Structure formats: C-alpha cells, structure tokens
C-alpha atoms as a PDB file:
ATOM      1  CA  UNK A   1      -3.917 -12.100  16.884  1.00  0.00           C
ATOM      2  CA  UNK A   2      -4.973 -15.413  15.342  1.00  0.00           C
ATOM      3  CA  UNK A   3      -5.736 -14.130  11.559  1.00  0.00           C
ATOM      4  CA  UNK A   4      -6.317 -16.616   9.296  1.00  0.00           C
ATOM      5  CA  UNK A   5      -6.715 -16.483   5.283  1.00  0.00           C
ATOM      6  CA  UNK A   6      -8.485 -17.940   2.923  1.00  0.00           C
ATOM      7  CA  UNK A   7      -7.752 -17.143  -1.079  1.00  0.00           C
ATOM      8  CA  UNK A   8      -6.954 -18.405  -4.214  1.00  0.00           C
ATOM      9  CA  UNK A   9      -5.076 -16.703  -7.148  1.00  0.00           C
ATOM     10  CA  UNK A  10      -6.780 -15.440 -10.017  1.00  0.00           C
ATOM     11  CA  UNK A  11      -5.596 -14.982 -13.367  1.00  0.00           C
ATOM     12  CA  UNK A  12      -6.091 -11.671 -13.821  1.00  0.00           C
ATOM     13  CA  UNK A  13      -4.278  -9.475 -11.981  1.00  0.00           C
ATOM     14  CA  UNK A  14      -7.408  -7.344  -9.887  1.00  0.00           C
ATOM     15  CA  UNK A  15      -8.055  -3.045 -10.542  1.00  0.00           C
ATOM     16  CA  UNK A  16      -9.815  -2.810  -7.039  1.00  0.00           C
ATOM     17  CA  UNK A  17      -9.293  -4.779  -3.607  1.00  0.00           C
ATOM     18  CA  UNK A  18     -12.767  -4.134  -1.897  1.00  0.00           C
ATOM     19  CA  UNK A  19     -11.973  -4.432   1.395  1.00  0.00           C
ATOM     20  CA  UNK A  20     -15.629  -5.844   3.359  1.00  0.00           C
ATOM     21  CA  UNK A  21     -15.111  -5.473   7.580  1.00  0.00           C
ATOM     22  CA  UNK A  22     -17.966  -7.677   8.046  1.00  0.00           C
ATOM     23  CA  UNK A  23     -19.028  -8.490  12.405  1.00  0.00           C
ATOM     24  CA  UNK A  24     -22.333 -10.013  12.827  1.00  0.00           C
ATOM     25  CA  UNK A  25     -23.794  -9.157   9.323  1.00  0.00           C
ATOM     26  CA  UNK A  26     -24.705 -13.348   8.241  1.00  0.00           C
ATOM     27  CA  UNK A  27     -28.066 -11.372   7.093  1.00  0.00           C
ATOM     28  CA  UNK A  28     -26.504  -8.879   4.711  1.00  0.00           C
ATOM     29  CA  UNK A  29     -22.850 -10.806   4.089  1.00  0.00           C
ATOM     30  CA  UNK A  30     -24.150 -13.011   0.936  1.00  0.00           C
ATOM     31  CA  UNK A  31     -26.020  -9.878  -1.005  1.00  0.00           C
ATOM     32  CA  UNK A  32     -23.293  -7.869  -0.531  1.00  0.00           C
ATOM     33  CA  UNK A  33     -20.802  -9.953  -1.799  1.00  0.00           C
ATOM     34  CA  UNK A  34     -23.196 -10.975  -4.938  1.00  0.00           C
ATOM     35  CA  UNK A  35     -23.989  -7.147  -5.772  1.00  0.00           C
ATOM     36  CA  UNK A  36     -20.485  -5.781  -5.598  1.00  0.00           C
ATOM     37  CA  UNK A  37     -19.790  -8.884  -8.073  1.00  0.00           C
ATOM     38  CA  UNK A  38     -22.580  -7.944 -10.653  1.00  0.00           C
ATOM     39  CA  UNK A  39     -21.947  -4.358 -10.671  1.00  0.00           C
ATOM     40  CA  UNK A  40     -18.050  -4.494 -10.702  1.00  0.00           C
ATOM     41  CA  UNK A  41     -18.967  -7.087 -13.300  1.00  0.00           C
ATOM     42  CA  UNK A  42     -21.032  -5.212 -15.104  1.00  0.00           C
ATOM     43  CA  UNK A  43     -18.449  -2.032 -15.381  1.00  0.00           C
ATOM     44  CA  UNK A  44     -15.690  -4.795 -16.455  1.00  0.00           C
ATOM     45  CA  UNK A  45     -13.394  -4.181 -13.650  1.00  0.00           C
ATOM     46  CA  UNK A  46     -10.381  -6.142 -12.411  1.00  0.00           C
ATOM     47  CA  UNK A  47     -11.477  -7.004  -8.719  1.00  0.00           C
ATOM     48  CA  UNK A  48     -11.685  -8.987  -5.510  1.00  0.00           C
ATOM     49  CA  UNK A  49     -13.154  -9.060  -2.812  1.00  0.00           C
ATOM     50  CA  UNK A  50     -11.642  -9.121   0.544  1.00  0.00           C
ATOM     51  CA  UNK A  51     -14.769 -10.052   3.476  1.00  0.00           C
ATOM     52  CA  UNK A  52     -12.786  -9.786   6.171  1.00  0.00           C
ATOM     53  CA  UNK A  53     -14.598 -11.536   9.891  1.00  0.00           C
ATOM     54  CA  UNK A  54     -14.413  -9.574  12.565  1.00  0.00           C
ATOM     55  CA  UNK A  55     -14.634 -12.208  15.248  1.00  0.00           C
ATOM     56  CA  UNK A  56     -18.398 -12.481  14.902  1.00  0.00           C
ATOM     57  CA  UNK A  57     -21.204 -14.697  16.878  1.00  0.00           C
ATOM     58  CA  UNK A  58     -22.755 -15.371  14.213  1.00  0.00           C
ATOM     59  CA  UNK A  59     -23.073 -17.284  11.130  1.00  0.00           C
ATOM     60  CA  UNK A  60     -21.189 -14.432   9.133  1.00  0.00           C
ATOM     61  CA  UNK A  61     -18.240 -16.868   8.579  1.00  0.00           C
ATOM     62  CA  UNK A  62     -20.038 -19.623   7.698  1.00  0.00           C
ATOM     63  CA  UNK A  63     -21.779 -17.662   5.293  1.00  0.00           C
ATOM     64  CA  UNK A  64     -18.187 -16.246   3.506  1.00  0.00           C
ATOM     65  CA  UNK A  65     -16.844 -19.325   3.465  1.00  0.00           C
ATOM     66  CA  UNK A  66     -19.266 -20.692   1.454  1.00  0.00           C
ATOM     67  CA  UNK A  67     -18.985 -17.519  -1.206  1.00  0.00           C
ATOM     68  CA  UNK A  68     -15.537 -18.026  -1.253  1.00  0.00           C
ATOM     69  CA  UNK A  69     -16.495 -21.766  -2.834  1.00  0.00           C
ATOM     70  CA  UNK A  70     -18.305 -20.582  -4.740  1.00  0.00           C
ATOM     71  CA  UNK A  71     -16.604 -17.174  -5.936  1.00  0.00           C
ATOM     72  CA  UNK A  72     -12.661 -17.495  -6.911  1.00  0.00           C
ATOM     73  CA  UNK A  73     -12.339 -13.621  -6.766  1.00  0.00           C
ATOM     74  CA  UNK A  74     -13.612 -13.759  -2.931  1.00  0.00           C
ATOM     75  CA  UNK A  75     -10.624 -13.802  -0.664  1.00  0.00           C
ATOM     76  CA  UNK A  76     -11.585 -14.353   3.598  1.00  0.00           C
ATOM     77  CA  UNK A  77      -9.204 -13.251   6.833  1.00  0.00           C
ATOM     78  CA  UNK A  78     -10.417 -14.154   9.879  1.00  0.00           C
ATOM     79  CA  UNK A  79      -9.398 -11.951  12.803  1.00  0.00           C
ATOM     80  CA  UNK A  80     -10.440 -14.749  15.041  1.00  0.00           C
ATOM     81  CA  UNK A  81     -11.786 -12.103  17.546  1.00  0.00           C
ATOM     82  CA  UNK A  82     -13.567  -9.177  17.690  1.00  0.00           C
ATOM     83  CA  UNK A  83     -10.382  -6.432  16.902  1.00  0.00           C
ATOM     84  CA  UNK A  84     -12.670  -3.541  15.879  1.00  0.00           C
ATOM     85  CA  UNK A  85     -13.239  -1.631  12.283  1.00  0.00           C
ATOM     86  CA  UNK A  86      -9.544  -0.146  11.731  1.00  0.00           C
ATOM     87  CA  UNK A  87      -7.699  -3.317  12.166  1.00  0.00           C
ATOM     88  CA  UNK A  88     -10.451  -4.799   9.883  1.00  0.00           C
ATOM     89  CA  UNK A  89      -9.551  -2.921   7.228  1.00  0.00           C
ATOM     90  CA  UNK A  90      -6.112  -2.208   7.808  1.00  0.00           C
ATOM     91  CA  UNK A  91      -5.769  -6.114   7.555  1.00  0.00           C
ATOM     92  CA  UNK A  92      -7.585  -5.809   4.080  1.00  0.00           C
ATOM     93  CA  UNK A  93      -5.632  -3.578   2.721  1.00  0.00           C
ATOM     94  CA  UNK A  94      -2.360  -5.120   3.759  1.00  0.00           C
ATOM     95  CA  UNK A  95      -3.347  -8.175   1.577  1.00  0.00           C
ATOM     96  CA  UNK A  96      -4.611  -6.274  -0.444  1.00  0.00           C
ATOM     97  CA  UNK A  97      -3.215  -7.152  -4.272  1.00  0.00           C
ATOM     98  CA  UNK A  98      -5.044  -4.156  -6.445  1.00  0.00           C
ATOM     99  CA  UNK A  99      -3.711  -1.021  -7.072  1.00  0.00           C
ATOM    100  CA  UNK A 100      -6.641   0.845  -6.165  1.00  0.00           C
ATOM    101  CA  UNK A 101      -8.287  -0.102  -2.438  1.00  0.00           C
ATOM    102  CA  UNK A 102     -12.019   0.222  -1.865  1.00  0.00           C
ATOM    103  CA  UNK A 103     -13.320  -0.177   1.871  1.00  0.00           C
ATOM    104  CA  UNK A 104     -17.319  -0.601   1.339  1.00  0.00           C
ATOM    105  CA  UNK A 105     -19.533  -1.454   4.734  1.00  0.00           C
ATOM    106  CA  UNK A 106     -21.017  -4.889   4.704  1.00  0.00           C
ATOM    107  CA  UNK A 107     -24.501  -3.976   5.722  1.00  0.00           C
ATOM    108  CA  UNK A 108     -25.579  -2.693   2.554  1.00  0.00           C
ATOM    109  CA  UNK A 109     -26.400   0.750   3.941  1.00  0.00           C
ATOM    110  CA  UNK A 110     -23.700   1.649   0.599  1.00  0.00           C
ATOM    111  CA  UNK A 111     -24.376   1.348  -3.391  1.00  0.00           C
ATOM    112  CA  UNK A 112     -22.495  -0.901  -4.938  1.00  0.00           C
ATOM    113  CA  UNK A 113     -23.031   0.960  -7.841  1.00  0.00           C
ATOM    114  CA  UNK A 114     -21.669   4.446  -6.222  1.00  0.00           C
ATOM    115  CA  UNK A 115     -18.827   2.419  -5.897  1.00  0.00           C
ATOM    116  CA  UNK A 116     -18.325   1.819  -9.626  1.00  0.00           C
ATOM    117  CA  UNK A 117     -18.868   5.589  -9.970  1.00  0.00           C
ATOM    118  CA  UNK A 118     -16.310   6.626  -7.329  1.00  0.00           C
ATOM    119  CA  UNK A 119     -13.899   3.890  -8.801  1.00  0.00           C
ATOM    120  CA  UNK A 120     -14.146   5.870 -12.396  1.00  0.00           C
ATOM    121  CA  UNK A 121     -13.751   9.225 -10.748  1.00  0.00           C
ATOM    122  CA  UNK A 122      -9.593   8.289  -9.562  1.00  0.00           C
ATOM    123  CA  UNK A 123      -8.092   9.664 -12.365  1.00  0.00           C
ATOM    124  CA  UNK A 124      -4.947  10.247 -12.485  1.00  0.00           C
ATOM    125  CA  UNK A 125      -4.707  13.716 -10.408  1.00  0.00           C
ATOM    126  CA  UNK A 126      -6.368  12.387  -7.552  1.00  0.00           C
ATOM    127  CA  UNK A 127      -5.174   9.693  -4.352  1.00  0.00           C
ATOM    128  CA  UNK A 128      -8.720   9.497  -3.138  1.00  0.00           C
ATOM    129  CA  UNK A 129     -12.182   9.406  -3.935  1.00  0.00           C
ATOM    130  CA  UNK A 130     -14.658  10.063  -0.821  1.00  0.00           C
ATOM    131  CA  UNK A 131     -18.168   9.306  -0.112  1.00  0.00           C
ATOM    132  CA  UNK A 132     -20.653  12.514   1.102  1.00  0.00           C
ATOM    133  CA  UNK A 133     -23.692  10.497   2.767  1.00  0.00           C
ATOM    134  CA  UNK A 134     -27.237  12.104   2.337  1.00  0.00           C
ATOM    135  CA  UNK A 135     -27.829  10.867   5.824  1.00  0.00           C
ATOM    136  CA  UNK A 136     -31.064   8.983   4.802  1.00  0.00           C
ATOM    137  CA  UNK A 137     -33.066   7.296   7.551  1.00  0.00           C
ATOM    138  CA  UNK A 138     -30.464   8.737  10.337  1.00  0.00           C
ATOM    139  CA  UNK A 139     -32.885  10.670  12.450  1.00  0.00           C
ATOM    140  CA  UNK A 140     -32.700  13.682  13.475  1.00  0.00           C
ATOM    141  CA  UNK A 141     -30.016  13.600  16.559  1.00  0.00           C
ATOM    142  CA  UNK A 142     -27.160  11.211  15.045  1.00  0.00           C
ATOM    143  CA  UNK A 143     -27.264  13.699  11.818  1.00  0.00           C
ATOM    144  CA  UNK A 144     -26.844  16.725  13.674  1.00  0.00           C
ATOM    145  CA  UNK A 145     -23.418  14.835  16.075  1.00  0.00           C
ATOM    146  CA  UNK A 146     -22.458  13.831  12.322  1.00  0.00           C
ATOM    147  CA  UNK A 147     -22.652  17.259  10.875  1.00  0.00           C
ATOM    148  CA  UNK A 148     -21.861  18.911  13.368  1.00  0.00           C
ATOM    149  CA  UNK A 149     -18.209  16.972  13.116  1.00  0.00           C
ATOM    150  CA  UNK A 150     -17.859  16.955  10.262  1.00  0.00           C
ATOM    151  CA  UNK A 151     -18.371  21.396  10.227  1.00  0.00           C
ATOM    152  CA  UNK A 152     -15.331  20.839  13.163  1.00  0.00           C
ATOM    153  CA  UNK A 153     -13.684  18.982  11.297  1.00  0.00           C
ATOM    154  CA  UNK A 154     -13.435  21.009   7.885  1.00  0.00           C
ATOM    155  CA  UNK A 155     -13.020  24.363   9.782  1.00  0.00           C
ATOM    156  CA  UNK A 156      -9.642  22.962  11.637  1.00  0.00           C
ATOM    157  CA  UNK A 157      -8.374  21.674   8.792  1.00  0.00           C
ATOM    158  CA  UNK A 158      -9.464  23.763   6.418  1.00  0.00           C
ATOM    159  CA  UNK A 159     -10.678  20.440   3.781  1.00  0.00           C
ATOM    160  CA  UNK A 160     -13.138  21.056   0.996  1.00  0.00           C
ATOM    161  CA  UNK A 161     -14.633  17.835   1.886  1.00  0.00           C
ATOM    162  CA  UNK A 162     -18.158  17.680   3.900  1.00  0.00           C
ATOM    163  CA  UNK A 163     -17.927  14.072   5.222  1.00  0.00           C
ATOM    164  CA  UNK A 164     -15.006  12.768   7.191  1.00  0.00           C
ATOM    165  CA  UNK A 165     -16.712   9.787   8.316  1.00  0.00           C
ATOM    166  CA  UNK A 166     -18.249   7.886   5.634  1.00  0.00           C
ATOM    167  CA  UNK A 167     -17.989   4.068   5.121  1.00  0.00           C
ATOM    168  CA  UNK A 168     -17.419   3.893   1.527  1.00  0.00           C
ATOM    169  CA  UNK A 169     -13.477   5.424   0.043  1.00  0.00           C
ATOM    170  CA  UNK A 170     -11.948   4.484  -2.900  1.00  0.00           C
ATOM    171  CA  UNK A 171      -7.850   5.513  -2.653  1.00  0.00           C
ATOM    172  CA  UNK A 172      -4.714   4.388  -4.104  1.00  0.00           C
ATOM    173  CA  UNK A 173      -3.254   1.238  -2.388  1.00  0.00           C
ATOM    174  CA  UNK A 174       0.440   3.668  -2.013  1.00  0.00           C
ATOM    175  CA  UNK A 175      -1.400   6.069  -0.954  1.00  0.00           C
ATOM    176  CA  UNK A 176      -3.486   4.050   1.663  1.00  0.00           C
ATOM    177  CA  UNK A 177      -0.530   3.026   3.730  1.00  0.00           C
ATOM    178  CA  UNK A 178      -1.824   0.811   6.282  1.00  0.00           C
ATOM    179  CA  UNK A 179       0.595   1.292   8.687  1.00  0.00           C
ATOM    180  CA  UNK A 180       0.403   4.383   9.916  1.00  0.00           C
ATOM    181  CA  UNK A 181      -3.128   5.301   7.889  1.00  0.00           C
ATOM    182  CA  UNK A 182      -5.582   4.652  11.186  1.00  0.00           C
ATOM    183  CA  UNK A 183      -3.421   6.386  13.569  1.00  0.00           C
ATOM    184  CA  UNK A 184      -6.272   8.572  14.565  1.00  0.00           C
ATOM    185  CA  UNK A 185      -8.705   6.818  14.401  1.00  0.00           C
ATOM    186  CA  UNK A 186     -11.274   5.248  11.181  1.00  0.00           C
ATOM    187  CA  UNK A 187     -12.781   9.275  11.249  1.00  0.00           C
ATOM    188  CA  UNK A 188      -9.333  11.246  10.514  1.00  0.00           C
ATOM    189  CA  UNK A 189      -8.361   9.319   7.667  1.00  0.00           C
ATOM    190  CA  UNK A 190      -9.717  12.010   5.599  1.00  0.00           C
ATOM    191  CA  UNK A 191      -7.886  14.948   7.402  1.00  0.00           C
ATOM    192  CA  UNK A 192      -4.921  12.755   7.640  1.00  0.00           C
ATOM    193  CA  UNK A 193      -4.761  11.990   3.898  1.00  0.00           C
ATOM    194  CA  UNK A 194      -5.576  15.824   3.712  1.00  0.00           C
ATOM    195  CA  UNK A 195      -2.623  17.047   5.568  1.00  0.00           C
ATOM    196  CA  UNK A 196      -0.331  14.757   4.016  1.00  0.00           C
ATOM    197  CA  UNK A 197      -0.737  16.375   0.441  1.00  0.00           C
ATOM    198  CA  UNK A 198      -2.748  13.660  -1.434  1.00  0.00           C
ATOM    199  CA  UNK A 199      -5.567  15.078  -3.390  1.00  0.00           C
ATOM    200  CA  UNK A 200      -9.331  13.778  -3.046  1.00  0.00           C
ATOM    201  CA  UNK A 201     -12.957  14.563  -4.487  1.00  0.00           C
ATOM    202  CA  UNK A 202     -15.697  13.659  -3.147  1.00  0.00           C
ATOM    203  CA  UNK A 203     -19.096  12.545  -4.452  1.00  0.00           C
ATOM    204  CA  UNK A 204     -22.275  12.006  -3.312  1.00  0.00           C
ATOM    205  CA  UNK A 205     -23.883   8.803  -2.070  1.00  0.00           C
ATOM    206  CA  UNK A 206     -27.606   7.627  -0.652  1.00  0.00           C
ATOM    207  CA  UNK A 207     -27.828   5.787   2.140  1.00  0.00           C
ATOM    208  CA  UNK A 208     -30.458   2.500   2.194  1.00  0.00           C
ATOM    209  CA  UNK A 209     -31.853   1.563   4.953  1.00  0.00           C
ATOM    210  CA  UNK A 210     -30.832  -1.234   7.332  1.00  0.00           C
ATOM    211  CA  UNK A 211     -32.213  -4.470   5.851  1.00  0.00           C
ATOM    212  CA  UNK A 212     -31.092  -6.897   8.490  1.00  0.00           C
ATOM    213  CA  UNK A 213     -29.329  -6.592  11.611  1.00  0.00           C
ATOM    214  CA  UNK A 214     -28.023  -3.620  13.901  1.00  0.00           C
ATOM    215  CA  UNK A 215     -26.456  -0.605  13.596  1.00  0.00           C
ATOM    216  CA  UNK A 216     -22.750  -1.643  15.675  1.00  0.00           C
ATOM    217  CA  UNK A 217     -22.605   2.123  16.606  1.00  0.00           C
ATOM    218  CA  UNK A 218     -25.559   4.073  17.479  1.00  0.00           C
ATOM    219  CA  UNK A 219     -28.999   2.980  19.223  1.00  0.00           C
ATOM    220  CA  UNK A 220     -32.033   4.482  18.484  1.00  0.00           C
ATOM    221  CA  UNK A 221     -33.830   6.232  21.346  1.00  0.00           C
ATOM    222  CA  UNK A 222     -30.449   6.389  23.673  1.00  0.00           C
ATOM    223  CA  UNK A 223     -29.517   9.368  25.709  1.00  0.00           C
ATOM    224  CA  UNK A 224     -26.294  10.462  22.789  1.00  0.00           C
ATOM    225  CA  UNK A 225     -26.746   7.395  21.043  1.00  0.00           C
ATOM    226  CA  UNK A 226     -25.907   5.057  23.712  1.00  0.00           C
ATOM    227  CA  UNK A 227     -23.381   4.700  26.118  1.00  0.00           C
ATOM    228  CA  UNK A 228     -21.033   2.865  23.080  1.00  0.00           C
ATOM    229  CA  UNK A 229     -21.445   6.074  21.132  1.00  0.00           C
ATOM    230  CA  UNK A 230     -20.618   8.189  24.381  1.00  0.00           C
ATOM    231  CA  UNK A 231     -17.084   6.156  24.377  1.00  0.00           C
ATOM    232  CA  UNK A 232     -16.905   6.782  20.577  1.00  0.00           C
ATOM    233  CA  UNK A 233     -17.532  10.497  21.213  1.00  0.00           C
ATOM    234  CA  UNK A 234     -14.725  10.817  22.987  1.00  0.00           C
ATOM    235  CA  UNK A 235     -12.401   8.726  21.376  1.00  0.00           C
ATOM    236  CA  UNK A 236     -12.671  10.571  18.550  1.00  0.00           C
ATOM    237  CA  UNK A 237     -12.339  13.707  20.303  1.00  0.00           C
ATOM    238  CA  UNK A 238      -8.932  12.841  21.781  1.00  0.00           C
ATOM    239  CA  UNK A 239      -7.632  11.235  18.889  1.00  0.00           C
ATOM    240  CA  UNK A 240      -8.545  14.459  16.899  1.00  0.00           C
ATOM    241  CA  UNK A 241      -6.993  17.048  19.688  1.00  0.00           C
ATOM    242  CA  UNK A 242      -3.505  14.789  18.611  1.00  0.00           C
ATOM    243  CA  UNK A 243      -4.166  15.291  15.175  1.00  0.00           C
ATOM    244  CA  UNK A 244      -3.651  18.749  15.427  1.00  0.00           C
ATOM    245  CA  UNK A 245      -1.085  18.514  17.556  1.00  0.00           C
ATOM    246  CA  UNK A 246       0.131  16.188  15.163  1.00  0.00           C
ATOM    247  CA  UNK A 247      -0.193  18.100  12.112  1.00  0.00           C
ATOM    248  CA  UNK A 248       3.064  19.612  11.377  1.00  0.00           C
ATOM    249  CA  UNK A 249       4.996  16.415  11.486  1.00  0.00           C
ATOM    250  CA  UNK A 250       2.553  15.191   9.186  1.00  0.00           C
ATOM    251  CA  UNK A 251       2.258  17.644   6.698  1.00  0.00           C
ATOM    252  CA  UNK A 252       3.115  16.745   3.460  1.00  0.00           C
ATOM    253  CA  UNK A 253       4.114  12.812   3.946  1.00  0.00           C
ATOM    254  CA  UNK A 254       2.694  12.054   0.687  1.00  0.00           C
ATOM    255  CA  UNK A 255       5.239  10.178  -1.826  1.00  0.00           C
ATOM    256  CA  UNK A 256       5.728  13.716  -3.501  1.00  0.00           C
ATOM    257  CA  UNK A 257       4.583  12.926  -7.138  1.00  0.00           C
ATOM    258  CA  UNK A 258       3.341  15.941  -8.750  1.00  0.00           C
ATOM    259  CA  UNK A 259      -0.142  14.793  -8.709  1.00  0.00           C
ATOM    260  CA  UNK A 260      -0.145  14.617  -5.184  1.00  0.00           C
ATOM    261  CA  UNK A 261      -0.380  17.792  -4.015  1.00  0.00           C
ATOM    262  CA  UNK A 262      -3.770  19.741  -2.083  1.00  0.00           C
ATOM    263  CA  UNK A 263      -6.182  21.762  -3.998  1.00  0.00           C
ATOM    264  CA  UNK A 264      -4.935  25.299  -2.504  1.00  0.00           C
END
C-alpha cells in the first residue's frame, strides 16, 4: 500500500484518538484539525488527531504536514494512493493510542462540539456512541435514500439506532477491531457491533454545509446521485445480504464482559 506515518510521542497518553480520513480536502483540513483541537482542549480531554491522507491529488498532504509540524498532537498517515474511506479508517484505528477511537469527517459537516458530547456519553455501560443526522442540506432525494436504507437496516436487525451510516462515531478501542470491523462495509458497522453484543447509544448531530470541495459519494442533480452512488447502492445491498447470512456466526462475538450485552 505504500503507507507512511509521521508522529511525535506525547507526554500524556491520549484518552481519545480522533481518526480523520481525508481525500482532496485542502480547503477544509486545516480548519477541521484546528476546530477539533480547540474543542477537545477546552473539554480537557487528552487527545491525538490521526489524519489519514487517502491518496489526495490536491495539496491536502502538504497542509497536513504543516499541521504536524506545528501541533504535537497531530499524527499523519499517508496511504500513498486512494484506497477508500474504510481502509483509511482501519489504518487509523490500527495506530490509535487512545482508550477511545472517534471517527470524524474532514469536510467539517459535523461539529467537533457534538463529538465532545458523544465522548462524554461513553461511560462504563456503553461500548460505542453513534451520531444521528438531521439531514440538513442533503436534499430530498439523498435524504429519502438514506432514511429508506436506515429503516431497512433497523427492521432487519431489530436495532434501536436510527442512523447506521452517520460519519461521526465514538467506540472503545477494544470494540473497534480493525481486522473485522469493516468486513461488511462502512454503513454496516453499527448493526455488526450490535449483533456482536456491544451496547450503544445515539446522539442527534447537526449537519453543516460543506464550505469547500465536493461530496465524494453523491452528485446532486444526477440520476440516483450519479454513477458512483449507484455503484455504492449495489455494493452495500450485497453487503447487507452478506451480513444477514452471516449474522448467526457474528452473534455475541464481543468480549463477553457484563457491559457488552445489547439492550433487549
């Protein structure tokens, strides 16, 4: 893969490792890291920010390297080529040093303040906290697709969580097994963890408008969101079927501790 990493040792072990996958986010990545640093510092949460450059073809990597030079709490992983968000997250999780691992998108459509609240929710009775989007600015068709998908997932897996594919999550590091967490694709992490017996909660998050760049998944004005979105729908439908078939084998694969039992 040609993965490389830059980091400096911090004097304090982090409580939370924030993994930020970034692909062509030169207009957002500096603000993203700055806002995350500000909110996490204000909350007095020991942290590290792991930015994973997913083969960007713009100046994202240059900007991230400058952030690394000026902020000792920033670590940089360069995948060398575009490998996709699941792989970027997996590589970040593998290198995370915190007790908790957070997923946060570089486009700043989520609020770092919401992330701080979600971290605070992760007490001894929970294994992960998932965001629940308000779909602000998504548009009617994109919102309809997402809500239909989430409804199908809830019905099939009898989940109480409403938004399987939200990009902001906080999980315990022992829960986030990087080798198997993405076996069924990124949108199915939540039902997979639920099937494995991990306890969860959900927090409503406000979606902000993207200030720079374009969505990597959905093209507004295109039939069904464009060719890439159609491919994604087909792929994730196949993964959904695969998880259904493998659910009996995934059941209860959590670590078995008393707080890792799902709600009835």
